[in-house]
Amino acid sequence: MSVRRRASRVVSIGVVAALAASLTGCGEGSGVDADYAKICRDNATQKRLPDDDCNNHGGTAGWYYLPVSSNRSTTVPAVGDKVSGGTSSLPSGKTAESGISSRGSSVSKGGFGGSGEHGGFGG
């Protein structure tokens, strides 16, 4: 009886660990595999917009790139918050990751995010 109970605990712990690992890429404190976080910004107000505004509408909306470091976290503002500290053009040879939570997030380089221009994660 005790052998069966112990095996059940080991399986439960393994399932919990796997679930935690799969959720690590979502939300605050996430890691990305790119050099920049790619977000949509209203160039007139400098406030973050939903990514769909850059994908579909144009106007004053434009992609904005926030540098991501492996040494410290980069704060990506929520939609509606002011955005600064980045650039409106991706430097040559660098990669950017989109799909960052519209609620804002803290990201650093490395971890479980996708990579390249089309990679992403959300929360």
PDB file of N, CA and C in Angstrom:
ATOM      1  N   MET A   1       0.814  -1.188   0.000  1.00  0.00           N
ATOM      2  CA  MET A   1       0.000   0.000   0.000  1.00  0.00           C
ATOM      3  C   MET A   1       0.862   1.258   0.000  1.00  0.00           C
ATOM      4  N   SER A   2       1.900   1.327   0.797  1.00  0.00           N
ATOM      5  CA  SER A   2       2.743   2.520   0.854  1.00  0.00           C
ATOM      6  C   SER A   2       3.519   2.720  -0.446  1.00  0.00           C
ATOM      7  N   VAL A   3       3.872   1.655  -1.162  1.00  0.00           N
ATOM      8  CA  VAL A   3       4.579   1.793  -2.427  1.00  0.00           C
ATOM      9  C   VAL A   3       3.681   2.480  -3.450  1.00  0.00           C
ATOM     10  N   ARG A   4       2.419   2.078  -3.498  1.00  0.00           N
ATOM     11  CA  ARG A   4       1.481   2.686  -4.441  1.00  0.00           C
ATOM     12  C   ARG A   4       1.284   4.168  -4.122  1.00  0.00           C
ATOM     13  N   ARG A   5       1.138   4.518  -2.871  1.00  0.00           N
ATOM     14  CA  ARG A   5       0.942   5.910  -2.470  1.00  0.00           C
ATOM     15  C   ARG A   5       2.180   6.744  -2.822  1.00  0.00           C
ATOM     16  N   ARG A   6       3.368   6.212  -2.600  1.00  0.00           N
ATOM     17  CA  ARG A   6       4.604   6.927  -2.914  1.00  0.00           C
ATOM     18  C   ARG A   6       4.707   7.161  -4.424  1.00  0.00           C
ATOM     19  N   ALA A   7       4.392   6.174  -5.235  1.00  0.00           N
ATOM     20  CA  ALA A   7       4.441   6.317  -6.686  1.00  0.00           C
ATOM     21  C   ALA A   7       3.458   7.388  -7.143  1.00  0.00           C
ATOM     22  N   SER A   8       2.305   7.431  -6.521  1.00  0.00           N
ATOM     23  CA  SER A   8       1.305   8.434  -6.860  1.00  0.00           C
ATOM     24  C   SER A   8       1.824   9.845  -6.571  1.00  0.00           C
ATOM     25  N   ARG A   9       2.523  10.019  -5.454  1.00  0.00           N
ATOM     26  CA  ARG A   9       3.083  11.326  -5.124  1.00  0.00           C
ATOM     27  C   ARG A   9       4.153  11.736  -6.135  1.00  0.00           C
ATOM     28  N   VAL A  10       4.985  10.792  -6.545  1.00  0.00           N
ATOM     29  CA  VAL A  10       6.040  11.102  -7.513  1.00  0.00           C
ATOM     30  C   VAL A  10       5.418  11.552  -8.833  1.00  0.00           C
ATOM     31  N   VAL A  11       4.375  10.868  -9.276  1.00  0.00           N
ATOM     32  CA  VAL A  11       3.703  11.251 -10.513  1.00  0.00           C
ATOM     33  C   VAL A  11       3.073  12.632 -10.359  1.00  0.00           C
ATOM     34  N   SER A  12       2.434  12.892  -9.233  1.00  0.00           N
ATOM     35  CA  SER A  12       1.801  14.193  -8.999  1.00  0.00           C
ATOM     36  C   SER A  12       2.831  15.319  -9.014  1.00  0.00           C
ATOM     37  N   ILE A  13       3.964  15.102  -8.370  1.00  0.00           N
ATOM     38  CA  ILE A  13       5.020  16.113  -8.350  1.00  0.00           C
ATOM     39  C   ILE A  13       5.543  16.354  -9.762  1.00  0.00           C
ATOM     40  N   GLY A  14       5.707  15.299 -10.525  1.00  0.00           N
ATOM     41  CA  GLY A  14       6.180  15.432 -11.905  1.00  0.00           C
ATOM     42  C   GLY A  14       5.202  16.210 -12.768  1.00  0.00           C
ATOM     43  N   VAL A  15       3.915  15.967 -12.603  1.00  0.00           N
ATOM     44  CA  VAL A  15       2.896  16.681 -13.369  1.00  0.00           C
ATOM     45  C   VAL A  15       2.894  18.162 -13.001  1.00  0.00           C
ATOM     46  N   VAL A  16       2.978  18.464 -11.717  1.00  0.00           N
ATOM     47  CA  VAL A  16       3.008  19.855 -11.265  1.00  0.00           C
ATOM     48  C   VAL A  16       4.242  20.567 -11.817  1.00  0.00           C
ATOM     49  N   ALA A  17       5.397  19.921 -11.789  1.00  0.00           N
ATOM     50  CA  ALA A  17       6.627  20.526 -12.305  1.00  0.00           C
ATOM     51  C   ALA A  17       6.511  20.790 -13.807  1.00  0.00           C
ATOM     52  N   ALA A  18       5.953  19.850 -14.551  1.00  0.00           N
ATOM     53  CA  ALA A  18       5.791  20.032 -16.003  1.00  0.00           C
ATOM     54  C   ALA A  18       4.823  21.168 -16.304  1.00  0.00           C
ATOM     55  N   LEU A  19       3.750  21.256 -15.542  1.00  0.00           N
ATOM     56  CA  LEU A  19       2.791  22.326 -15.736  1.00  0.00           C
ATOM     57  C   LEU A  19       3.422  23.679 -15.438  1.00  0.00           C
ATOM     58  N   ALA A  20       4.171  23.769 -14.364  1.00  0.00           N
ATOM     59  CA  ALA A  20       4.836  25.027 -14.006  1.00  0.00           C
ATOM     60  C   ALA A  20       5.818  25.446 -15.101  1.00  0.00           C
ATOM     61  N   ALA A  21       6.556  24.500 -15.649  1.00  0.00           N
ATOM     62  CA  ALA A  21       7.515  24.813 -16.706  1.00  0.00           C
ATOM     63  C   ALA A  21       6.810  25.305 -17.959  1.00  0.00           C
ATOM     64  N   SER A  22       5.643  24.732 -18.271  1.00  0.00           N
ATOM     65  CA  SER A  22       4.930  25.156 -19.471  1.00  0.00           C
ATOM     66  C   SER A  22       4.319  26.536 -19.318  1.00  0.00           C
ATOM     67  N   LEU A  23       4.034  26.960 -18.101  1.00  0.00           N
ATOM     68  CA  LEU A  23       3.437  28.270 -17.868  1.00  0.00           C
ATOM     69  C   LEU A  23       4.457  29.369 -17.644  1.00  0.00           C
ATOM     70  N   THR A  24       5.714  29.033 -17.521  1.00  0.00           N
ATOM     71  CA  THR A  24       6.749  30.017 -17.213  1.00  0.00           C
ATOM     72  C   THR A  24       6.840  31.101 -18.271  1.00  0.00           C
ATOM     73  N   GLY A  25       6.571  30.791 -19.525  1.00  0.00           N
ATOM     74  CA  GLY A  25       6.665  31.773 -20.594  1.00  0.00           C
ATOM     75  C   GLY A  25       5.518  32.754 -20.643  1.00  0.00           C
ATOM     76  N   CYS A  26       4.602  32.700 -19.711  1.00  0.00           N
ATOM     77  CA  CYS A  26       3.422  33.548 -19.743  1.00  0.00           C
ATOM     78  C   CYS A  26       3.420  34.537 -18.586  1.00  0.00           C
ATOM     79  N   GLY A  27       3.228  35.812 -18.910  1.00  0.00           N
ATOM     80  CA  GLY A  27       3.043  36.793 -17.842  1.00  0.00           C
ATOM     81  C   GLY A  27       4.327  37.447 -17.403  1.00  0.00           C
ATOM     82  N   GLU A  28       4.351  37.926 -16.201  1.00  0.00           N
ATOM     83  CA  GLU A  28       5.459  38.699 -15.657  1.00  0.00           C
ATOM     84  C   GLU A  28       6.728  37.859 -15.531  1.00  0.00           C
ATOM     85  N   GLY A  29       7.848  38.494 -15.749  1.00  0.00           N
ATOM     86  CA  GLY A  29       9.125  37.835 -15.549  1.00  0.00           C
ATOM     87  C   GLY A  29       9.467  36.826 -16.625  1.00  0.00           C
ATOM     88  N   SER A  30       8.902  36.974 -17.801  1.00  0.00           N
ATOM     89  CA  SER A  30       9.114  36.010 -18.868  1.00  0.00           C
ATOM     90  C   SER A  30      10.434  36.243 -19.581  1.00  0.00           C
ATOM     91  N   GLY A  31      10.949  35.173 -20.160  1.00  0.00           N
ATOM     92  CA  GLY A  31      12.171  35.267 -20.939  1.00  0.00           C
ATOM     93  C   GLY A  31      11.857  35.273 -22.422  1.00  0.00           C
ATOM     94  N   VAL A  32      12.630  35.997 -23.180  1.00  0.00           N
ATOM     95  CA  VAL A  32      12.499  36.020 -24.635  1.00  0.00           C
ATOM     96  C   VAL A  32      13.834  35.625 -25.249  1.00  0.00           C
ATOM     97  N   ASP A  33      13.781  35.147 -26.478  1.00  0.00           N
ATOM     98  CA  ASP A  33      14.995  34.744 -27.177  1.00  0.00           C
ATOM     99  C   ASP A  33      15.413  35.779 -28.215  1.00  0.00           C
ATOM    100  N   ALA A  34      14.924  36.998 -28.080  1.00  0.00           N
ATOM    101  CA  ALA A  34      15.202  38.044 -29.061  1.00  0.00           C
ATOM    102  C   ALA A  34      15.945  39.199 -28.398  1.00  0.00           C
ATOM    103  N   ASP A  35      16.478  40.081 -29.243  1.00  0.00           N
ATOM    104  CA  ASP A  35      17.217  41.246 -28.759  1.00  0.00           C
ATOM    105  C   ASP A  35      16.295  42.393 -28.348  1.00  0.00           C
ATOM    106  N   TYR A  36      15.082  42.415 -28.937  1.00  0.00           N
ATOM    107  CA  TYR A  36      14.128  43.498 -28.684  1.00  0.00           C
ATOM    108  C   TYR A  36      12.724  42.950 -28.479  1.00  0.00           C
ATOM    109  N   ALA A  37      11.944  43.665 -27.676  1.00  0.00           N
ATOM    110  CA  ALA A  37      10.519  43.394 -27.529  1.00  0.00           C
ATOM    111  C   ALA A  37       9.808  44.307 -28.520  1.00  0.00           C
ATOM    112  N   LYS A  38       8.981  43.731 -29.387  1.00  0.00           N
ATOM    113  CA  LYS A  38       8.288  44.483 -30.439  1.00  0.00           C
ATOM    114  C   LYS A  38       6.856  44.769 -29.997  1.00  0.00           C
ATOM    115  N   ILE A  39       6.534  46.054 -29.852  1.00  0.00           N
ATOM    116  CA  ILE A  39       5.192  46.443 -29.441  1.00  0.00           C
ATOM    117  C   ILE A  39       4.670  47.535 -30.368  1.00  0.00           C
ATOM    118  N   CYS A  40       3.378  47.747 -30.366  1.00  0.00           N
ATOM    119  CA  CYS A  40       2.768  48.789 -31.170  1.00  0.00           C
ATOM    120  C   CYS A  40       2.643  50.058 -30.334  1.00  0.00           C
ATOM    121  N   ARG A  41       2.969  51.205 -30.962  1.00  0.00           N
ATOM    122  CA  ARG A  41       2.933  52.479 -30.245  1.00  0.00           C
ATOM    123  C   ARG A  41       2.311  53.560 -31.123  1.00  0.00           C
ATOM    124  N   ASP A  42       1.532  54.408 -30.507  1.00  0.00           N
ATOM    125  CA  ASP A  42       1.011  55.584 -31.191  1.00  0.00           C
ATOM    126  C   ASP A  42       2.139  56.606 -31.212  1.00  0.00           C
ATOM    127  N   ASN A  43       2.630  56.932 -32.394  1.00  0.00           N
ATOM    128  CA  ASN A  43       3.780  57.828 -32.508  1.00  0.00           C
ATOM    129  C   ASN A  43       3.458  59.258 -32.091  1.00  0.00           C
ATOM    130  N   ALA A  44       2.179  59.642 -32.120  1.00  0.00           N
ATOM    131  CA  ALA A  44       1.794  60.996 -31.721  1.00  0.00           C
ATOM    132  C   ALA A  44       1.748  61.134 -30.196  1.00  0.00           C
ATOM    133  N   THR A  45       1.177  60.142 -29.512  1.00  0.00           N
ATOM    134  CA  THR A  45       1.014  60.228 -28.048  1.00  0.00           C
ATOM    135  C   THR A  45       2.097  59.466 -27.291  1.00  0.00           C
ATOM    136  N   GLN A  46       2.840  58.604 -27.992  1.00  0.00           N
ATOM    137  CA  GLN A  46       3.863  57.738 -27.415  1.00  0.00           C
ATOM    138  C   GLN A  46       3.277  56.737 -26.415  1.00  0.00           C
ATOM    139  N   LYS A  47       2.012  56.370 -26.595  1.00  0.00           N
ATOM    140  CA  LYS A  47       1.368  55.371 -25.740  1.00  0.00           C
ATOM    141  C   LYS A  47       1.262  54.049 -26.476  1.00  0.00           C
ATOM    142  N   ARG A  48       1.357  52.960 -25.717  1.00  0.00           N
ATOM    143  CA  ARG A  48       1.255  51.631 -26.301  1.00  0.00           C
ATOM    144  C   ARG A  48      -0.161  51.385 -26.789  1.00  0.00           C
ATOM    145  N   LEU A  49      -0.233  50.749 -27.956  1.00  0.00           N
ATOM    146  CA  LEU A  49      -1.494  50.355 -28.573  1.00  0.00           C
ATOM    147  C   LEU A  49      -1.553  48.838 -28.687  1.00  0.00           C
ATOM    148  N   PRO A  50      -2.746  48.266 -28.879  1.00  0.00           N
ATOM    149  CA  PRO A  50      -2.828  46.829 -29.170  1.00  0.00           C
ATOM    150  C   PRO A  50      -2.064  46.516 -30.455  1.00  0.00           C
ATOM    151  N   ASP A  51      -1.412  45.364 -30.515  1.00  0.00           N
ATOM    152  CA  ASP A  51      -0.626  44.988 -31.702  1.00  0.00           C
ATOM    153  C   ASP A  51      -1.457  45.036 -32.981  1.00  0.00           C
ATOM    154  N   ASP A  52      -2.743  44.735 -32.896  1.00  0.00           N
ATOM    155  CA  ASP A  52      -3.591  44.756 -34.090  1.00  0.00           C
ATOM    156  C   ASP A  52      -3.625  46.129 -34.742  1.00  0.00           C
ATOM    157  N   ASP A  53      -3.433  47.200 -33.976  1.00  0.00           N
ATOM    158  CA  ASP A  53      -3.419  48.540 -34.555  1.00  0.00           C
ATOM    159  C   ASP A  53      -2.269  48.690 -35.546  1.00  0.00           C
ATOM    160  N   CYS A  54      -1.136  48.065 -35.278  1.00  0.00           N
ATOM    161  CA  CYS A  54       0.003  48.126 -36.204  1.00  0.00           C
ATOM    162  C   CYS A  54      -0.160  47.120 -37.333  1.00  0.00           C
ATOM    163  N   ASN A  55      -0.782  45.984 -37.050  1.00  0.00           N
ATOM    164  CA  ASN A  55      -0.972  44.956 -38.072  1.00  0.00           C
ATOM    165  C   ASN A  55      -1.996  45.366 -39.117  1.00  0.00           C
ATOM    166  N   ASN A  56      -3.019  46.107 -38.708  1.00  0.00           N
ATOM    167  CA  ASN A  56      -4.158  46.315 -39.588  1.00  0.00           C
ATOM    168  C   ASN A  56      -4.477  47.755 -39.959  1.00  0.00           C
ATOM    169  N   HIS A  57      -4.061  48.725 -39.178  1.00  0.00           N
ATOM    170  CA  HIS A  57      -4.611  50.060 -39.371  1.00  0.00           C
ATOM    171  C   HIS A  57      -3.638  51.125 -39.844  1.00  0.00           C
ATOM    172  N   GLY A  58      -2.421  51.081 -39.428  1.00  0.00           N
ATOM    173  CA  GLY A  58      -1.493  52.136 -39.838  1.00  0.00           C
ATOM    174  C   GLY A  58      -1.780  53.443 -39.111  1.00  0.00           C
ATOM    175  N   GLY A  59      -1.897  54.546 -39.855  1.00  0.00           N
ATOM    176  CA  GLY A  59      -2.127  55.850 -39.238  1.00  0.00           C
ATOM    177  C   GLY A  59      -0.909  56.270 -38.429  1.00  0.00           C
ATOM    178  N   THR A  60      -1.122  56.721 -37.200  1.00  0.00           N
ATOM    179  CA  THR A  60       0.004  57.120 -36.351  1.00  0.00           C
ATOM    180  C   THR A  60       0.588  55.935 -35.597  1.00  0.00           C
ATOM    181  N   ALA A  61      -0.003  54.754 -35.788  1.00  0.00           N
ATOM    182  CA  ALA A  61       0.504  53.545 -35.127  1.00  0.00           C
ATOM    183  C   ALA A  61       1.752  53.046 -35.843  1.00  0.00           C
ATOM    184  N   GLY A  62       2.742  52.627 -35.065  1.00  0.00           N
ATOM    185  CA  GLY A  62       3.962  52.078 -35.644  1.00  0.00           C
ATOM    186  C   GLY A  62       4.628  51.121 -34.674  1.00  0.00           C
ATOM    187  N   TRP A  63       5.394  50.191 -35.209  1.00  0.00           N
ATOM    188  CA  TRP A  63       6.119  49.249 -34.350  1.00  0.00           C
ATOM    189  C   TRP A  63       7.206  49.995 -33.599  1.00  0.00           C
ATOM    190  N   TYR A  64       7.421  49.583 -32.360  1.00  0.00           N
ATOM    191  CA  TYR A  64       8.420  50.192 -31.498  1.00  0.00           C
ATOM    192  C   TYR A  64       9.177  49.056 -30.824  1.00  0.00           C
ATOM    193  N   TYR A  65      10.473  49.193 -30.712  1.00  0.00           N
ATOM    194  CA  TYR A  65      11.330  48.113 -30.238  1.00  0.00           C
ATOM    195  C   TYR A  65      12.033  48.511 -28.937  1.00  0.00           C
ATOM    196  N   LEU A  66      11.789  47.739 -27.892  1.00  0.00           N
ATOM    197  CA  LEU A  66      12.437  47.970 -26.600  1.00  0.00           C
ATOM    198  C   LEU A  66      13.581  46.979 -26.437  1.00  0.00           C
ATOM    199  N   PRO A  67      14.795  47.436 -26.137  1.00  0.00           N
ATOM    200  CA  PRO A  67      15.924  46.514 -25.989  1.00  0.00           C
ATOM    201  C   PRO A  67      15.727  45.580 -24.800  1.00  0.00           C
ATOM    202  N   VAL A  68      16.115  44.321 -25.011  1.00  0.00           N
ATOM    203  CA  VAL A  68      16.001  43.294 -23.975  1.00  0.00           C
ATOM    204  C   VAL A  68      17.402  42.823 -23.623  1.00  0.00           C
ATOM    205  N   SER A  69      17.699  42.778 -22.345  1.00  0.00           N
ATOM    206  CA  SER A  69      19.019  42.391 -21.859  1.00  0.00           C
ATOM    207  C   SER A  69      18.929  41.088 -21.071  1.00  0.00           C
ATOM    208  N   SER A  70      20.001  40.328 -21.067  1.00  0.00           N
ATOM    209  CA  SER A  70      20.031  39.128 -20.231  1.00  0.00           C
ATOM    210  C   SER A  70      20.448  39.469 -18.801  1.00  0.00           C
ATOM    211  N   ASN A  71      20.982  40.681 -18.598  1.00  0.00           N
ATOM    212  CA  ASN A  71      21.460  41.075 -17.274  1.00  0.00           C
ATOM    213  C   ASN A  71      20.403  41.692 -16.380  1.00  0.00           C
ATOM    214  N   ARG A  72      19.372  42.286 -16.992  1.00  0.00           N
ATOM    215  CA  ARG A  72      18.321  42.911 -16.186  1.00  0.00           C
ATOM    216  C   ARG A  72      16.999  42.855 -16.945  1.00  0.00           C
ATOM    217  N   SER A  73      15.906  43.004 -16.234  1.00  0.00           N
ATOM    218  CA  SER A  73      14.581  42.957 -16.842  1.00  0.00           C
ATOM    219  C   SER A  73      14.258  44.262 -17.556  1.00  0.00           C
ATOM    220  N   THR A  74      13.517  44.147 -18.630  1.00  0.00           N
ATOM    221  CA  THR A  74      12.983  45.290 -19.346  1.00  0.00           C
ATOM    222  C   THR A  74      11.489  45.348 -19.057  1.00  0.00           C
ATOM    223  N   THR A  75      10.995  46.505 -18.641  1.00  0.00           N
ATOM    224  CA  THR A  75       9.572  46.651 -18.386  1.00  0.00           C
ATOM    225  C   THR A  75       8.884  47.052 -19.674  1.00  0.00           C
ATOM    226  N   VAL A  76       7.934  46.223 -20.090  1.00  0.00           N
ATOM    227  CA  VAL A  76       7.130  46.524 -21.263  1.00  0.00           C
ATOM    228  C   VAL A  76       5.800  47.063 -20.752  1.00  0.00           C
ATOM    229  N   PRO A  77       5.484  48.319 -21.064  1.00  0.00           N
ATOM    230  CA  PRO A  77       4.261  48.932 -20.537  1.00  0.00           C
ATOM    231  C   PRO A  77       2.985  48.267 -21.052  1.00  0.00           C
ATOM    232  N   ALA A  78       1.915  48.451 -20.319  1.00  0.00           N
ATOM    233  CA  ALA A  78       0.600  47.960 -20.725  1.00  0.00           C
ATOM    234  C   ALA A  78       0.027  48.873 -21.807  1.00  0.00           C
ATOM    235  N   VAL A  79      -0.957  48.372 -22.543  1.00  0.00           N
ATOM    236  CA  VAL A  79      -1.653  49.193 -23.531  1.00  0.00           C
ATOM    237  C   VAL A  79      -2.222  50.423 -22.819  1.00  0.00           C
ATOM    238  N   GLY A  80      -1.979  51.594 -23.400  1.00  0.00           N
ATOM    239  CA  GLY A  80      -2.443  52.857 -22.830  1.00  0.00           C
ATOM    240  C   GLY A  80      -1.375  53.601 -22.046  1.00  0.00           C
ATOM    241  N   ASP A  81      -0.282  52.900 -21.681  1.00  0.00           N
ATOM    242  CA  ASP A  81       0.807  53.533 -20.936  1.00  0.00           C
ATOM    243  C   ASP A  81       1.836  54.118 -21.897  1.00  0.00           C
ATOM    244  N   LYS A  82       2.541  55.152 -21.451  1.00  0.00           N
ATOM    245  CA  LYS A  82       3.612  55.760 -22.250  1.00  0.00           C
ATOM    246  C   LYS A  82       4.747  54.768 -22.458  1.00  0.00           C
ATOM    247  N   VAL A  83       5.352  54.839 -23.627  1.00  0.00           N
ATOM    248  CA  VAL A  83       6.456  53.962 -23.997  1.00  0.00           C
ATOM    249  C   VAL A  83       7.657  54.828 -24.360  1.00  0.00           C
ATOM    250  N   SER A  84       8.817  54.508 -23.777  1.00  0.00           N
ATOM    251  CA  SER A  84      10.044  55.209 -24.138  1.00  0.00           C
ATOM    252  C   SER A  84      11.231  54.281 -23.896  1.00  0.00           C
ATOM    253  N   GLY A  85      12.382  54.730 -24.314  1.00  0.00           N
ATOM    254  CA  GLY A  85      13.604  53.960 -24.088  1.00  0.00           C
ATOM    255  C   GLY A  85      13.937  52.982 -25.183  1.00  0.00           C
ATOM    256  N   GLY A  86      13.239  53.062 -26.305  1.00  0.00           N
ATOM    257  CA  GLY A  86      13.482  52.142 -27.402  1.00  0.00           C
ATOM    258  C   GLY A  86      13.720  52.881 -28.699  1.00  0.00           C
ATOM    259  N   THR A  87      13.409  52.213 -29.804  1.00  0.00           N
ATOM    260  CA  THR A  87      13.629  52.776 -31.129  1.00  0.00           C
ATOM    261  C   THR A  87      12.486  52.371 -32.058  1.00  0.00           C
ATOM    262  N   SER A  88      12.226  53.198 -33.060  1.00  0.00           N
ATOM    263  CA  SER A  88      11.154  52.895 -34.005  1.00  0.00           C
ATOM    264  C   SER A  88      11.638  52.073 -35.199  1.00  0.00           C
ATOM    265  N   SER A  89      12.928  51.780 -35.260  1.00  0.00           N
ATOM    266  CA  SER A  89      13.427  50.895 -36.325  1.00  0.00           C
ATOM    267  C   SER A  89      14.347  49.840 -35.713  1.00  0.00           C
ATOM    268  N   LEU A  90      14.121  48.610 -36.120  1.00  0.00           N
ATOM    269  CA  LEU A  90      14.908  47.490 -35.608  1.00  0.00           C
ATOM    270  C   LEU A  90      16.319  47.558 -36.189  1.00  0.00           C
ATOM    271  N   PRO A  91      17.339  47.616 -35.334  1.00  0.00           N
ATOM    272  CA  PRO A  91      18.715  47.646 -35.839  1.00  0.00           C
ATOM    273  C   PRO A  91      19.037  46.414 -36.686  1.00  0.00           C
ATOM    274  N   SER A  92      19.848  46.616 -37.693  1.00  0.00           N
ATOM    275  CA  SER A  92      20.250  45.551 -38.607  1.00  0.00           C
ATOM    276  C   SER A  92      20.866  44.375 -37.846  1.00  0.00           C
ATOM    277  N   GLY A  93      20.459  43.179 -38.209  1.00  0.00           N
ATOM    278  CA  GLY A  93      21.013  41.972 -37.618  1.00  0.00           C
ATOM    279  C   GLY A  93      20.418  41.596 -36.271  1.00  0.00           C
ATOM    280  N   LYS A  94      19.464  42.373 -35.786  1.00  0.00           N
ATOM    281  CA  LYS A  94      18.843  42.096 -34.485  1.00  0.00           C
ATOM    282  C   LYS A  94      17.494  41.431 -34.692  1.00  0.00           C
ATOM    283  N   THR A  95      17.027  40.722 -33.667  1.00  0.00           N
ATOM    284  CA  THR A  95      15.730  40.053 -33.718  1.00  0.00           C
ATOM    285  C   THR A  95      14.767  40.718 -32.747  1.00  0.00           C
ATOM    286  N   ALA A  96      13.485  40.586 -33.042  1.00  0.00           N
ATOM    287  CA  ALA A  96      12.456  41.167 -32.191  1.00  0.00           C
ATOM    288  C   ALA A  96      11.363  40.138 -31.937  1.00  0.00           C
ATOM    289  N   GLU A  97      10.778  40.202 -30.767  1.00  0.00           N
ATOM    290  CA  GLU A  97       9.718  39.281 -30.392  1.00  0.00           C
ATOM    291  C   GLU A  97       8.452  40.068 -30.087  1.00  0.00           C
ATOM    292  N   SER A  98       7.366  39.668 -30.724  1.00  0.00           N
ATOM    293  CA  SER A  98       6.079  40.309 -30.509  1.00  0.00           C
ATOM    294  C   SER A  98       5.185  39.404 -29.672  1.00  0.00           C
ATOM    295  N   GLY A  99       3.962  39.840 -29.449  1.00  0.00           N
ATOM    296  CA  GLY A  99       3.008  39.030 -28.707  1.00  0.00           C
ATOM    297  C   GLY A  99       3.133  39.186 -27.200  1.00  0.00           C
ATOM    298  N   ILE A 100       3.770  40.232 -26.742  1.00  0.00           N
ATOM    299  CA  ILE A 100       3.950  40.459 -25.308  1.00  0.00           C
ATOM    300  C   ILE A 100       2.629  40.940 -24.719  1.00  0.00           C
ATOM    301  N   SER A 101       2.306  40.455 -23.560  1.00  0.00           N
ATOM    302  CA  SER A 101       1.024  40.721 -22.918  1.00  0.00           C
ATOM    303  C   SER A 101       0.624  42.191 -22.987  1.00  0.00           C
ATOM    304  N   SER A 102      -0.621  42.444 -23.353  1.00  0.00           N
ATOM    305  CA  SER A 102      -1.139  43.814 -23.422  1.00  0.00           C
ATOM    306  C   SER A 102      -1.299  44.418 -22.031  1.00  0.00           C
ATOM    307  N   ARG A 103      -1.234  43.592 -21.004  1.00  0.00           N
ATOM    308  CA  ARG A 103      -1.309  44.070 -19.617  1.00  0.00           C
ATOM    309  C   ARG A 103       0.044  44.560 -19.115  1.00  0.00           C
ATOM    310  N   GLY A 104       1.058  44.456 -19.958  1.00  0.00           N
ATOM    311  CA  GLY A 104       2.406  44.826 -19.541  1.00  0.00           C
ATOM    312  C   GLY A 104       3.124  43.623 -18.988  1.00  0.00           C
ATOM    313  N   SER A 105       4.436  43.692 -18.970  1.00  0.00           N
ATOM    314  CA  SER A 105       5.232  42.556 -18.543  1.00  0.00           C
ATOM    315  C   SER A 105       6.656  42.999 -18.259  1.00  0.00           C
ATOM    316  N   SER A 106       7.336  42.182 -17.518  1.00  0.00           N
ATOM    317  CA  SER A 106       8.757  42.363 -17.287  1.00  0.00           C
ATOM    318  C   SER A 106       9.448  41.219 -18.012  1.00  0.00           C
ATOM    319  N   VAL A 107      10.325  41.528 -18.955  1.00  0.00           N
ATOM    320  CA  VAL A 107      10.979  40.492 -19.752  1.00  0.00           C
ATOM    321  C   VAL A 107      12.490  40.626 -19.678  1.00  0.00           C
ATOM    322  N   SER A 108      13.163  39.511 -19.870  1.00  0.00           N
ATOM    323  CA  SER A 108      14.617  39.505 -19.966  1.00  0.00           C
ATOM    324  C   SER A 108      14.995  38.495 -21.036  1.00  0.00           C
ATOM    325  N   LYS A 109      16.214  38.601 -21.532  1.00  0.00           N
ATOM    326  CA  LYS A 109      16.662  37.722 -22.609  1.00  0.00           C
ATOM    327  C   LYS A 109      16.957  36.330 -22.069  1.00  0.00           C
ATOM    328  N   GLY A 110      16.525  35.336 -22.828  1.00  0.00           N
ATOM    329  CA  GLY A 110      16.704  33.946 -22.441  1.00  0.00           C
ATOM    330  C   GLY A 110      15.403  33.403 -21.884  1.00  0.00           C
ATOM    331  N   GLY A 111      15.249  32.105 -21.920  1.00  0.00           N
ATOM    332  CA  GLY A 111      14.033  31.523 -21.357  1.00  0.00           C
ATOM    333  C   GLY A 111      13.184  30.859 -22.396  1.00  0.00           C
ATOM    334  N   PHE A 112      11.869  30.944 -22.201  1.00  0.00           N
ATOM    335  CA  PHE A 112      10.949  30.105 -22.947  1.00  0.00           C
ATOM    336  C   PHE A 112      10.188  30.810 -24.061  1.00  0.00           C
ATOM    337  N   GLY A 113      10.486  32.047 -24.390  1.00  0.00           N
ATOM    338  CA  GLY A 113       9.748  32.724 -25.454  1.00  0.00           C
ATOM    339  C   GLY A 113      10.134  32.188 -26.817  1.00  0.00           C
ATOM    340  N   GLY A 114       9.377  32.571 -27.840  1.00  0.00           N
ATOM    341  CA  GLY A 114       9.730  32.209 -29.200  1.00  0.00           C
ATOM    342  C   GLY A 114      10.905  33.063 -29.635  1.00  0.00           C
ATOM    343  N   SER A 115      11.351  32.891 -30.859  1.00  0.00           N
ATOM    344  CA  SER A 115      12.468  33.716 -31.295  1.00  0.00           C
ATOM    345  C   SER A 115      12.187  34.317 -32.647  1.00  0.00           C
ATOM    346  N   GLY A 116      12.877  35.374 -32.949  1.00  0.00           N
ATOM    347  CA  GLY A 116      12.775  35.995 -34.252  1.00  0.00           C
ATOM    348  C   GLY A 116      11.606  36.943 -34.373  1.00  0.00           C
ATOM    349  N   GLU A 117      11.429  37.442 -35.565  1.00  0.00           N
ATOM    350  CA  GLU A 117      10.416  38.457 -35.850  1.00  0.00           C
ATOM    351  C   GLU A 117       9.011  37.957 -35.576  1.00  0.00           C
ATOM    352  N   HIS A 118       8.736  36.667 -35.744  1.00  0.00           N
ATOM    353  CA  HIS A 118       7.381  36.163 -35.602  1.00  0.00           C
ATOM    354  C   HIS A 118       7.157  35.408 -34.305  1.00  0.00           C
ATOM    355  N   GLY A 119       8.156  35.292 -33.472  1.00  0.00           N
ATOM    356  CA  GLY A 119       7.985  34.593 -32.209  1.00  0.00           C
ATOM    357  C   GLY A 119       7.120  35.395 -31.271  1.00  0.00           C
ATOM    358  N   GLY A 120       6.712  34.780 -30.179  1.00  0.00           N
ATOM    359  CA  GLY A 120       5.918  35.552 -29.241  1.00  0.00           C
ATOM    360  C   GLY A 120       5.487  34.737 -28.052  1.00  0.00           C
ATOM    361  N   PHE A 121       4.936  35.425 -27.125  1.00  0.00           N
ATOM    362  CA  PHE A 121       4.352  34.797 -25.950  1.00  0.00           C
ATOM    363  C   PHE A 121       3.333  35.760 -25.400  1.00  0.00           C
ATOM    364  N   GLY A 122       2.449  35.258 -24.604  1.00  0.00           N
ATOM    365  CA  GLY A 122       1.426  36.138 -24.033  1.00  0.00           C
ATOM    366  C   GLY A 122       1.037  35.670 -22.672  1.00  0.00           C
ATOM    367  N   GLY A 123       0.164  36.352 -22.067  1.00  0.00           N
ATOM    368  CA  GLY A 123      -0.238  35.967 -20.736  1.00  0.00           C
ATOM    369  C   GLY A 123      -1.659  36.241 -20.464  1.00  0.00           C
TER     370      GLY A 123
END
